[in-house]
mmCIF file of all heavy atoms, coordinates in Angstrom:
data_MODEL
# 
_entry.id   MODEL 
# 
loop_
_atom_site.group_PDB 
_atom_site.id 
_atom_site.type_symbol 
_atom_site.label_atom_id 
_atom_site.label_alt_id 
_atom_site.label_comp_id 
_atom_site.label_asym_id 
_atom_site.label_entity_id 
_atom_site.label_seq_id 
_atom_site.pdbx_PDB_ins_code 
_atom_site.Cartn_x 
_atom_site.Cartn_y 
_atom_site.Cartn_z 
_atom_site.occupancy 
_atom_site.B_iso_or_equiv 
_atom_site.pdbx_formal_charge 
_atom_site.auth_seq_id 
_atom_site.auth_comp_id 
_atom_site.auth_asym_id 
_atom_site.auth_atom_id 
_atom_site.pdbx_PDB_model_num 
ATOM 1   N N   . LEU A 1 1  ? 55.301 48.721 -130.083 1.00 0.00 ? 1  LEU A N   1 
ATOM 2   C CA  . LEU A 1 1  ? 54.664 48.078 -128.941 1.00 0.00 ? 1  LEU A CA  1 
ATOM 3   C C   . LEU A 1 1  ? 53.294 47.557 -129.300 1.00 0.00 ? 1  LEU A C   1 
ATOM 4   O O   . LEU A 1 1  ? 52.465 48.301 -129.830 1.00 0.00 ? 1  LEU A O   1 
ATOM 5   C CB  . LEU A 1 1  ? 54.569 49.081 -127.782 1.00 0.00 ? 1  LEU A CB  1 
ATOM 6   C CG  . LEU A 1 1  ? 53.866 48.570 -126.513 1.00 0.00 ? 1  LEU A CG  1 
ATOM 7   C CD1 . LEU A 1 1  ? 54.676 47.494 -125.827 1.00 0.00 ? 1  LEU A CD1 1 
ATOM 8   C CD2 . LEU A 1 1  ? 53.599 49.754 -125.552 1.00 0.00 ? 1  LEU A CD2 1 
ATOM 9   N N   . GLN A 1 2  ? 53.059 46.275 -129.029 1.00 0.00 ? 2  GLN A N   1 
ATOM 10  C CA  . GLN A 1 2  ? 51.746 45.664 -129.283 1.00 0.00 ? 2  GLN A CA  1 
ATOM 11  C C   . GLN A 1 2  ? 50.920 45.638 -128.010 1.00 0.00 ? 2  GLN A C   1 
ATOM 12  O O   . GLN A 1 2  ? 51.455 45.615 -126.898 1.00 0.00 ? 2  GLN A O   1 
ATOM 13  C CB  . GLN A 1 2  ? 51.949 44.249 -129.824 1.00 0.00 ? 2  GLN A CB  1 
ATOM 14  C CG  . GLN A 1 2  ? 52.734 44.176 -131.126 1.00 0.00 ? 2  GLN A CG  1 
ATOM 15  C CD  . GLN A 1 2  ? 52.027 44.921 -132.253 1.00 0.00 ? 2  GLN A CD  1 
ATOM 16  O OE1 . GLN A 1 2  ? 50.956 44.505 -132.697 1.00 0.00 ? 2  GLN A OE1 1 
ATOM 17  N NE2 . GLN A 1 2  ? 52.620 45.988 -132.728 1.00 0.00 ? 2  GLN A NE2 1 
ATOM 18  N N   . GLY A 1 3  ? 49.625 45.591 -128.171 1.00 0.00 ? 3  GLY A N   1 
ATOM 19  C CA  . GLY A 1 3  ? 48.720 45.622 -127.035 1.00 0.00 ? 3  GLY A CA  1 
ATOM 20  C C   . GLY A 1 3  ? 48.949 44.499 -126.081 1.00 0.00 ? 3  GLY A C   1 
ATOM 21  O O   . GLY A 1 3  ? 48.930 44.659 -124.854 1.00 0.00 ? 3  GLY A O   1 
ATOM 22  N N   . PHE A 1 4  ? 49.224 43.285 -126.602 1.00 0.00 ? 4  PHE A N   1 
ATOM 23  C CA  . PHE A 1 4  ? 49.409 42.131 -125.740 1.00 0.00 ? 4  PHE A CA  1 
ATOM 24  C C   . PHE A 1 4  ? 50.662 42.291 -124.893 1.00 0.00 ? 4  PHE A C   1 
ATOM 25  O O   . PHE A 1 4  ? 50.747 41.790 -123.766 1.00 0.00 ? 4  PHE A O   1 
ATOM 26  C CB  . PHE A 1 4  ? 49.462 40.828 -126.551 1.00 0.00 ? 4  PHE A CB  1 
ATOM 27  C CG  . PHE A 1 4  ? 50.775 40.587 -127.253 1.00 0.00 ? 4  PHE A CG  1 
ATOM 28  C CD1 . PHE A 1 4  ? 51.796 39.869 -126.634 1.00 0.00 ? 4  PHE A CD1 1 
ATOM 29  C CD2 . PHE A 1 4  ? 50.993 41.047 -128.542 1.00 0.00 ? 4  PHE A CD2 1 
ATOM 30  C CE1 . PHE A 1 4  ? 53.004 39.620 -127.291 1.00 0.00 ? 4  PHE A CE1 1 
ATOM 31  C CE2 . PHE A 1 4  ? 52.181 40.826 -129.194 1.00 0.00 ? 4  PHE A CE2 1 
ATOM 32  C CZ  . PHE A 1 4  ? 53.203 40.098 -128.550 1.00 0.00 ? 4  PHE A CZ  1 
ATOM 33  N N   . GLN A 1 5  ? 51.668 43.047 -125.417 1.00 0.00 ? 5  GLN A N   1 
ATOM 34  C CA  . GLN A 1 5  ? 52.897 43.253 -124.649 1.00 0.00 ? 5  GLN A CA  1 
ATOM 35  C C   . GLN A 1 5  ? 52.647 44.205 -123.479 1.00 0.00 ? 5  GLN A C   1 
ATOM 36  O O   . GLN A 1 5  ? 53.163 43.984 -122.354 1.00 0.00 ? 5  GLN A O   1 
ATOM 37  C CB  . GLN A 1 5  ? 53.987 43.817 -125.561 1.00 0.00 ? 5  GLN A CB  1 
ATOM 38  C CG  . GLN A 1 5  ? 54.474 42.825 -126.602 1.00 0.00 ? 5  GLN A CG  1 
ATOM 39  C CD  . GLN A 1 5  ? 55.483 43.399 -127.526 1.00 0.00 ? 5  GLN A CD  1 
ATOM 40  O OE1 . GLN A 1 5  ? 55.243 44.422 -128.184 1.00 0.00 ? 5  GLN A OE1 1 
ATOM 41  N NE2 . GLN A 1 5  ? 56.663 42.781 -127.601 1.00 0.00 ? 5  GLN A NE2 1 
ATOM 42  N N   . ALA A 1 6  ? 51.861 45.242 -123.702 1.00 0.00 ? 6  ALA A N   1 
ATOM 43  C CA  . ALA A 1 6  ? 51.496 46.170 -122.619 1.00 0.00 ? 6  ALA A CA  1 
ATOM 44  C C   . ALA A 1 6  ? 50.727 45.400 -121.537 1.00 0.00 ? 6  ALA A C   1 
ATOM 45  O O   . ALA A 1 6  ? 50.925 45.652 -120.327 1.00 0.00 ? 6  ALA A O   1 
ATOM 46  C CB  . ALA A 1 6  ? 50.659 47.327 -123.157 1.00 0.00 ? 6  ALA A CB  1 
ATOM 47  N N   . ARG A 1 7  ? 49.850 44.473 -121.955 1.00 0.00 ? 7  ARG A N   1 
ATOM 48  C CA  . ARG A 1 7  ? 49.086 43.683 -120.986 1.00 0.00 ? 7  ARG A CA  1 
ATOM 49  C C   . ARG A 1 7  ? 49.991 42.714 -120.223 1.00 0.00 ? 7  ARG A C   1 
ATOM 50  O O   . ARG A 1 7  ? 49.818 42.497 -119.010 1.00 0.00 ? 7  ARG A O   1 
ATOM 51  C CB  . ARG A 1 7  ? 47.964 42.942 -121.698 1.00 0.00 ? 7  ARG A CB  1 
ATOM 52  C CG  . ARG A 1 7  ? 46.865 43.844 -122.240 1.00 0.00 ? 7  ARG A CG  1 
ATOM 53  C CD  . ARG A 1 7  ? 45.645 43.086 -122.723 1.00 0.00 ? 7  ARG A CD  1 
ATOM 54  N NE  . ARG A 1 7  ? 45.915 42.321 -123.924 1.00 0.00 ? 7  ARG A NE  1 
ATOM 55  C CZ  . ARG A 1 7  ? 45.832 42.805 -125.158 1.00 0.00 ? 7  ARG A CZ  1 
ATOM 56  N NH1 . ARG A 1 7  ? 45.477 44.093 -125.381 1.00 0.00 ? 7  ARG A NH1 1 
ATOM 57  N NH2 . ARG A 1 7  ? 46.066 42.028 -126.224 1.00 0.00 ? 7  ARG A NH2 1 
ATOM 58  N N   . LYS A 1 8  ? 50.993 42.148 -120.912 1.00 0.00 ? 8  LYS A N   1 
ATOM 59  C CA  . LYS A 1 8  ? 51.954 41.251 -120.244 1.00 0.00 ? 8  LYS A CA  1 
ATOM 60  C C   . LYS A 1 8  ? 52.680 41.990 -119.116 1.00 0.00 ? 8  LYS A C   1 
ATOM 61  O O   . LYS A 1 8  ? 52.901 41.429 -118.029 1.00 0.00 ? 8  LYS A O   1 
ATOM 62  C CB  . LYS A 1 8  ? 52.972 40.717 -121.230 1.00 0.00 ? 8  LYS A CB  1 
ATOM 63  C CG  . LYS A 1 8  ? 52.514 39.519 -122.025 1.00 0.00 ? 8  LYS A CG  1 
ATOM 64  C CD  . LYS A 1 8  ? 53.572 39.096 -123.039 1.00 0.00 ? 8  LYS A CD  1 
ATOM 65  C CE  . LYS A 1 8  ? 54.798 38.508 -122.361 1.00 0.00 ? 8  LYS A CE  1 
ATOM 66  N NZ  . LYS A 1 8  ? 55.796 38.019 -123.340 1.00 0.00 ? 8  LYS A NZ  1 
ATOM 67  N N   . ILE A 1 9  ? 53.065 43.221 -119.361 1.00 0.00 ? 9  ILE A N   1 
ATOM 68  C CA  . ILE A 1 9  ? 53.760 44.015 -118.358 1.00 0.00 ? 9  ILE A CA  1 
ATOM 69  C C   . ILE A 1 9  ? 52.861 44.253 -117.166 1.00 0.00 ? 9  ILE A C   1 
ATOM 70  O O   . ILE A 1 9  ? 53.254 44.111 -115.993 1.00 0.00 ? 9  ILE A O   1 
ATOM 71  C CB  . ILE A 1 9  ? 54.265 45.326 -118.946 1.00 0.00 ? 9  ILE A CB  1 
ATOM 72  C CG1 . ILE A 1 9  ? 55.367 45.080 -119.996 1.00 0.00 ? 9  ILE A CG1 1 
ATOM 73  C CG2 . ILE A 1 9  ? 54.798 46.270 -117.884 1.00 0.00 ? 9  ILE A CG2 1 
ATOM 74  C CD1 . ILE A 1 9  ? 55.675 46.205 -120.912 1.00 0.00 ? 9  ILE A CD1 1 
ATOM 75  N N   . ALA A 1 10 ? 51.607 44.625 -117.449 1.00 0.00 ? 10 ALA A N   1 
ATOM 76  C CA  . ALA A 1 10 ? 50.633 44.874 -116.361 1.00 0.00 ? 10 ALA A CA  1 
ATOM 77  C C   . ALA A 1 10 ? 50.422 43.598 -115.537 1.00 0.00 ? 10 ALA A C   1 
ATOM 78  O O   . ALA A 1 10 ? 50.354 43.649 -114.309 1.00 0.00 ? 10 ALA A O   1 
ATOM 79  C CB  . ALA A 1 10 ? 49.331 45.381 -116.938 1.00 0.00 ? 10 ALA A CB  1 
ATOM 80  N N   . PHE A 1 11 ? 50.341 42.427 -116.209 1.00 0.00 ? 11 PHE A N   1 
ATOM 81  C CA  . PHE A 1 11 ? 50.205 41.150 -115.503 1.00 0.00 ? 11 PHE A CA  1 
ATOM 82  C C   . PHE A 1 11 ? 51.429 40.893 -114.635 1.00 0.00 ? 11 PHE A C   1 
ATOM 83  O O   . PHE A 1 11 ? 51.302 40.432 -113.478 1.00 0.00 ? 11 PHE A O   1 
ATOM 84  C CB  . PHE A 1 11 ? 50.039 40.017 -116.513 1.00 0.00 ? 11 PHE A CB  1 
ATOM 85  C CG  . PHE A 1 11 ? 48.610 39.765 -116.928 1.00 0.00 ? 11 PHE A CG  1 
ATOM 86  C CD1 . PHE A 1 11 ? 48.286 39.775 -118.304 1.00 0.00 ? 11 PHE A CD1 1 
ATOM 87  C CD2 . PHE A 1 11 ? 47.629 39.498 -116.003 1.00 0.00 ? 11 PHE A CD2 1 
ATOM 88  C CE1 . PHE A 1 11 ? 46.983 39.547 -118.685 1.00 0.00 ? 11 PHE A CE1 1 
ATOM 89  C CE2 . PHE A 1 11 ? 46.317 39.231 -116.399 1.00 0.00 ? 11 PHE A CE2 1 
ATOM 90  C CZ  . PHE A 1 11 ? 45.994 39.268 -117.768 1.00 0.00 ? 11 PHE A CZ  1 
ATOM 91  N N   . SER A 1 12 ? 52.607 41.159 -115.148 1.00 0.00 ? 12 SER A N   1 
ATOM 92  C CA  . SER A 1 12 ? 53.845 40.897 -114.416 1.00 0.00 ? 12 SER A CA  1 
ATOM 93  C C   . SER A 1 12 ? 53.934 41.736 -113.158 1.00 0.00 ? 12 SER A C   1 
ATOM 94  O O   . SER A 1 12 ? 54.669 41.364 -112.222 1.00 0.00 ? 12 SER A O   1 
ATOM 95  C CB  . SER A 1 12 ? 55.065 41.164 -115.321 1.00 0.00 ? 12 SER A CB  1 
ATOM 96  O OG  . SER A 1 12 ? 55.311 42.527 -115.481 1.00 0.00 ? 12 SER A OG  1 
ATOM 97  N N   . LEU A 1 13 ? 53.211 42.850 -113.102 1.00 0.00 ? 13 LEU A N   1 
ATOM 98  C CA  . LEU A 1 13 ? 53.252 43.722 -111.934 1.00 0.00 ? 13 LEU A CA  1 
ATOM 99  C C   . LEU A 1 13 ? 52.140 43.406 -110.950 1.00 0.00 ? 13 LEU A C   1 
ATOM 100 O O   . LEU A 1 13 ? 51.875 44.168 -110.007 1.00 0.00 ? 13 LEU A O   1 
ATOM 101 C CB  . LEU A 1 13 ? 53.128 45.183 -112.404 1.00 0.00 ? 13 LEU A CB  1 
ATOM 102 C CG  . LEU A 1 13 ? 54.339 45.667 -113.243 1.00 0.00 ? 13 LEU A CG  1 
ATOM 103 C CD1 . LEU A 1 13 ? 54.056 47.064 -113.807 1.00 0.00 ? 13 LEU A CD1 1 
ATOM 104 C CD2 . LEU A 1 13 ? 55.606 45.689 -112.427 1.00 0.00 ? 13 LEU A CD2 1 
ATOM 105 N N   . ASN A 1 14 ? 51.451 42.273 -111.194 1.00 0.00 ? 14 ASN A N   1 
ATOM 106 C CA  . ASN A 1 14 ? 50.420 41.746 -110.289 1.00 0.00 ? 14 ASN A CA  1 
ATOM 107 C C   . ASN A 1 14 ? 49.267 42.732 -110.101 1.00 0.00 ? 14 ASN A C   1 
ATOM 108 O O   . ASN A 1 14 ? 48.753 42.902 -108.997 1.00 0.00 ? 14 ASN A O   1 
ATOM 109 C CB  . ASN A 1 14 ? 51.026 41.401 -108.912 1.00 0.00 ? 14 ASN A CB  1 
ATOM 110 C CG  . ASN A 1 14 ? 52.092 40.334 -109.021 1.00 0.00 ? 14 ASN A CG  1 
ATOM 111 O OD1 . ASN A 1 14 ? 52.000 39.439 -109.828 1.00 0.00 ? 14 ASN A OD1 1 
ATOM 112 N ND2 . ASN A 1 14 ? 53.134 40.463 -108.173 1.00 0.00 ? 14 ASN A ND2 1 
ATOM 113 N N   . LEU A 1 15 ? 48.877 43.379 -111.194 1.00 0.00 ? 15 LEU A N   1 
ATOM 114 C CA  . LEU A 1 15 ? 47.790 44.339 -111.140 1.00 0.00 ? 15 LEU A CA  1 
ATOM 115 C C   . LEU A 1 15 ? 46.493 43.695 -111.663 1.00 0.00 ? 15 LEU A C   1 
ATOM 116 O O   . LEU A 1 15 ? 46.515 42.760 -112.452 1.00 0.00 ? 15 LEU A O   1 
ATOM 117 C CB  . LEU A 1 15 ? 48.116 45.583 -111.951 1.00 0.00 ? 15 LEU A CB  1 
ATOM 118 C CG  . LEU A 1 15 ? 49.378 46.342 -111.510 1.00 0.00 ? 15 LEU A CG  1 
ATOM 119 C CD1 . LEU A 1 15 ? 49.685 47.465 -112.502 1.00 0.00 ? 15 LEU A CD1 1 
ATOM 120 C CD2 . LEU A 1 15 ? 49.184 46.922 -110.106 1.00 0.00 ? 15 LEU A CD2 1 
ATOM 121 N N   . SER A 1 16 ? 45.384 44.264 -111.232 1.00 0.00 ? 16 SER A N   1 
ATOM 122 C CA  . SER A 1 16 ? 44.088 43.758 -111.675 1.00 0.00 ? 16 SER A CA  1 
ATOM 123 C C   . SER A 1 16 ? 43.091 44.902 -111.710 1.00 0.00 ? 16 SER A C   1 
ATOM 124 O O   . SER A 1 16 ? 43.332 45.978 -111.172 1.00 0.00 ? 16 SER A O   1 
ATOM 125 C CB  . SER A 1 16 ? 43.604 42.617 -110.785 1.00 0.00 ? 16 SER A CB  1 
ATOM 126 O OG  . SER A 1 16 ? 43.456 43.095 -109.451 1.00 0.00 ? 16 SER A OG  1 
ATOM 127 N N   . GLY A 1 17 ? 41.956 44.640 -112.364 1.00 0.00 ? 17 GLY A N   1 
ATOM 128 C CA  . GLY A 1 17 ? 40.856 45.627 -112.340 1.00 0.00 ? 17 GLY A CA  1 
ATOM 129 C C   . GLY A 1 17 ? 41.285 46.960 -112.976 1.00 0.00 ? 17 GLY A C   1 
ATOM 130 O O   . GLY A 1 17 ? 41.944 47.010 -113.997 1.00 0.00 ? 17 GLY A O   1 
ATOM 131 N N   . LYS A 1 18 ? 40.876 48.032 -112.318 1.00 0.00 ? 18 LYS A N   1 
ATOM 132 C CA  . LYS A 1 18 ? 41.151 49.371 -112.830 1.00 0.00 ? 18 LYS A CA  1 
ATOM 133 C C   . LYS A 1 18 ? 42.651 49.616 -112.941 1.00 0.00 ? 18 LYS A C   1 
ATOM 134 O O   . LYS A 1 18 ? 43.111 50.204 -113.934 1.00 0.00 ? 18 LYS A O   1 
ATOM 135 C CB  . LYS A 1 18 ? 40.520 50.408 -111.902 1.00 0.00 ? 18 LYS A CB  1 
ATOM 136 C CG  . LYS A 1 18 ? 40.814 51.849 -112.311 1.00 0.00 ? 18 LYS A CG  1 
ATOM 137 C CD  . LYS A 1 18 ? 40.258 52.860 -111.312 1.00 0.00 ? 18 LYS A CD  1 
ATOM 138 C CE  . LYS A 1 18 ? 40.680 54.284 -111.694 1.00 0.00 ? 18 LYS A CE  1 
ATOM 139 N NZ  . LYS A 1 18 ? 40.184 55.279 -110.696 1.00 0.00 ? 18 LYS A NZ  1 
ATOM 140 N N   . ALA A 1 19 ? 43.426 49.176 -111.948 1.00 0.00 ? 19 ALA A N   1 
ATOM 141 C CA  . ALA A 1 19 ? 44.860 49.418 -111.954 1.00 0.00 ? 19 ALA A CA  1 
ATOM 142 C C   . ALA A 1 19 ? 45.518 48.731 -113.148 1.00 0.00 ? 19 ALA A C   1 
ATOM 143 O O   . ALA A 1 19 ? 46.465 49.281 -113.764 1.00 0.00 ? 19 ALA A O   1 
ATOM 144 C CB  . ALA A 1 19 ? 45.509 48.905 -110.671 1.00 0.00 ? 19 ALA A CB  1 
ATOM 145 N N   . PHE A 1 20 ? 45.018 47.536 -113.522 1.00 0.00 ? 20 PHE A N   1 
ATOM 146 C CA  . PHE A 1 20 ? 45.545 46.825 -114.693 1.00 0.00 ? 20 PHE A CA  1 
ATOM 147 C C   . PHE A 1 20 ? 45.309 47.657 -115.973 1.00 0.00 ? 20 PHE A C   1 
ATOM 148 O O   . PHE A 1 20 ? 46.235 47.859 -116.754 1.00 0.00 ? 20 PHE A O   1 
ATOM 149 C CB  . PHE A 1 20 ? 44.861 45.468 -114.797 1.00 0.00 ? 20 PHE A CB  1 
ATOM 150 C CG  . PHE A 1 20 ? 45.257 44.681 -116.005 1.00 0.00 ? 20 PHE A CG  1 
ATOM 151 C CD1 . PHE A 1 20 ? 46.352 43.830 -115.971 1.00 0.00 ? 20 PHE A CD1 1 
ATOM 152 C CD2 . PHE A 1 20 ? 44.544 44.789 -117.214 1.00 0.00 ? 20 PHE A CD2 1 
ATOM 153 C CE1 . PHE A 1 20 ? 46.722 43.108 -117.095 1.00 0.00 ? 20 PHE A CE1 1 
ATOM 154 C CE2 . PHE A 1 20 ? 44.916 44.090 -118.339 1.00 0.00 ? 20 PHE A CE2 1 
ATOM 155 C CZ  . PHE A 1 20 ? 46.016 43.233 -118.286 1.00 0.00 ? 20 PHE A CZ  1 
ATOM 156 N N   . LYS A 1 21 ? 44.099 48.136 -116.153 1.00 0.00 ? 21 LYS A N   1 
ATOM 157 C CA  . LYS A 1 21 ? 43.797 48.931 -117.336 1.00 0.00 ? 21 LYS A CA  1 
ATOM 158 C C   . LYS A 1 21 ? 44.596 50.232 -117.373 1.00 0.00 ? 21 LYS A C   1 
ATOM 159 O O   . LYS A 1 21 ? 45.055 50.649 -118.422 1.00 0.00 ? 21 LYS A O   1 
ATOM 160 C CB  . LYS A 1 21 ? 42.295 49.242 -117.373 1.00 0.00 ? 21 LYS A CB  1 
ATOM 161 C CG  . LYS A 1 21 ? 41.408 47.993 -117.545 1.00 0.00 ? 21 LYS A CG  1 
ATOM 162 C CD  . LYS A 1 21 ? 39.923 48.381 -117.511 1.00 0.00 ? 21 LYS A CD  1 
ATOM 163 C CE  . LYS A 1 21 ? 39.036 47.131 -117.678 1.00 0.00 ? 21 LYS A CE  1 
ATOM 164 N NZ  . LYS A 1 21 ? 37.601 47.498 -117.573 1.00 0.00 ? 21 LYS A NZ  1 
ATOM 165 N N   . GLU A 1 22 ? 44.734 50.837 -116.203 1.00 0.00 ? 22 GLU A N   1 
ATOM 166 C CA  . GLU A 1 22 ? 45.526 52.082 -116.106 1.00 0.00 ? 22 GLU A CA  1 
ATOM 167 C C   . GLU A 1 22 ? 46.981 51.865 -116.501 1.00 0.00 ? 22 GLU A C   1 
ATOM 168 O O   . GLU A 1 22 ? 47.597 52.656 -117.165 1.00 0.00 ? 22 GLU A O   1 
ATOM 169 C CB  . GLU A 1 22 ? 45.444 52.636 -114.667 1.00 0.00 ? 22 GLU A CB  1 
ATOM 170 C CG  . GLU A 1 22 ? 44.110 53.245 -114.326 1.00 0.00 ? 22 GLU A CG  1 
ATOM 171 C CD  . GLU A 1 22 ? 44.073 54.739 -114.602 1.00 0.00 ? 22 GLU A CD  1 
ATOM 172 O OE1 . GLU A 1 22 ? 45.120 55.380 -114.440 1.00 0.00 ? 22 GLU A OE1 1 
ATOM 173 O OE2 . GLU A 1 22 ? 43.014 55.232 -114.989 1.00 0.00 ? 22 GLU A OE2 1 
ATOM 174 N N   . MET A 1 23 ? 47.538 50.715 -116.065 1.00 0.00 ? 23 MET A N   1 
ATOM 175 C CA  . MET A 1 23 ? 48.928 50.387 -116.391 1.00 0.00 ? 23 MET A CA  1 
ATOM 176 C C   . MET A 1 23 ? 49.111 50.145 -117.885 1.00 0.00 ? 23 MET A C   1 
ATOM 177 O O   . MET A 1 23 ? 50.100 50.575 -118.481 1.00 0.00 ? 23 MET A O   1 
ATOM 178 C CB  . MET A 1 23 ? 49.425 49.200 -115.579 1.00 0.00 ? 23 MET A CB  1 
ATOM 179 C CG  . MET A 1 23 ? 50.864 48.810 -115.898 1.00 0.00 ? 23 MET A CG  1 
ATOM 180 S SD  . MET A 1 23 ? 52.102 50.133 -115.670 1.00 0.00 ? 23 MET A SD  1 
ATOM 181 C CE  . MET A 1 23 ? 52.193 50.152 -113.855 1.00 0.00 ? 23 MET A CE  1 
ATOM 182 N N   . VAL A 1 24 ? 48.176 49.463 -118.506 1.00 0.00 ? 24 VAL A N   1 
ATOM 183 C CA  . VAL A 1 24 ? 48.254 49.236 -119.945 1.00 0.00 ? 24 VAL A CA  1 
ATOM 184 C C   . VAL A 1 24 ? 48.296 50.563 -120.691 1.00 0.00 ? 24 VAL A C   1 
ATOM 185 O O   . VAL A 1 24 ? 49.115 50.781 -121.592 1.00 0.00 ? 24 VAL A O   1 
ATOM 186 C CB  . VAL A 1 24 ? 47.045 48.379 -120.455 1.00 0.00 ? 24 VAL A CB  1 
ATOM 187 C CG1 . VAL A 1 24 ? 47.020 48.319 -121.972 1.00 0.00 ? 24 VAL A CG1 1 
ATOM 188 C CG2 . VAL A 1 24 ? 47.151 46.958 -119.873 1.00 0.00 ? 24 VAL A CG2 1 
# 
């Protein structure tokens, strides 16, 4: 798993801010 892929998943779940970082 690459970092950009974890971020793509967080983006797809419509998260932002702290929740985005937590999801990554």
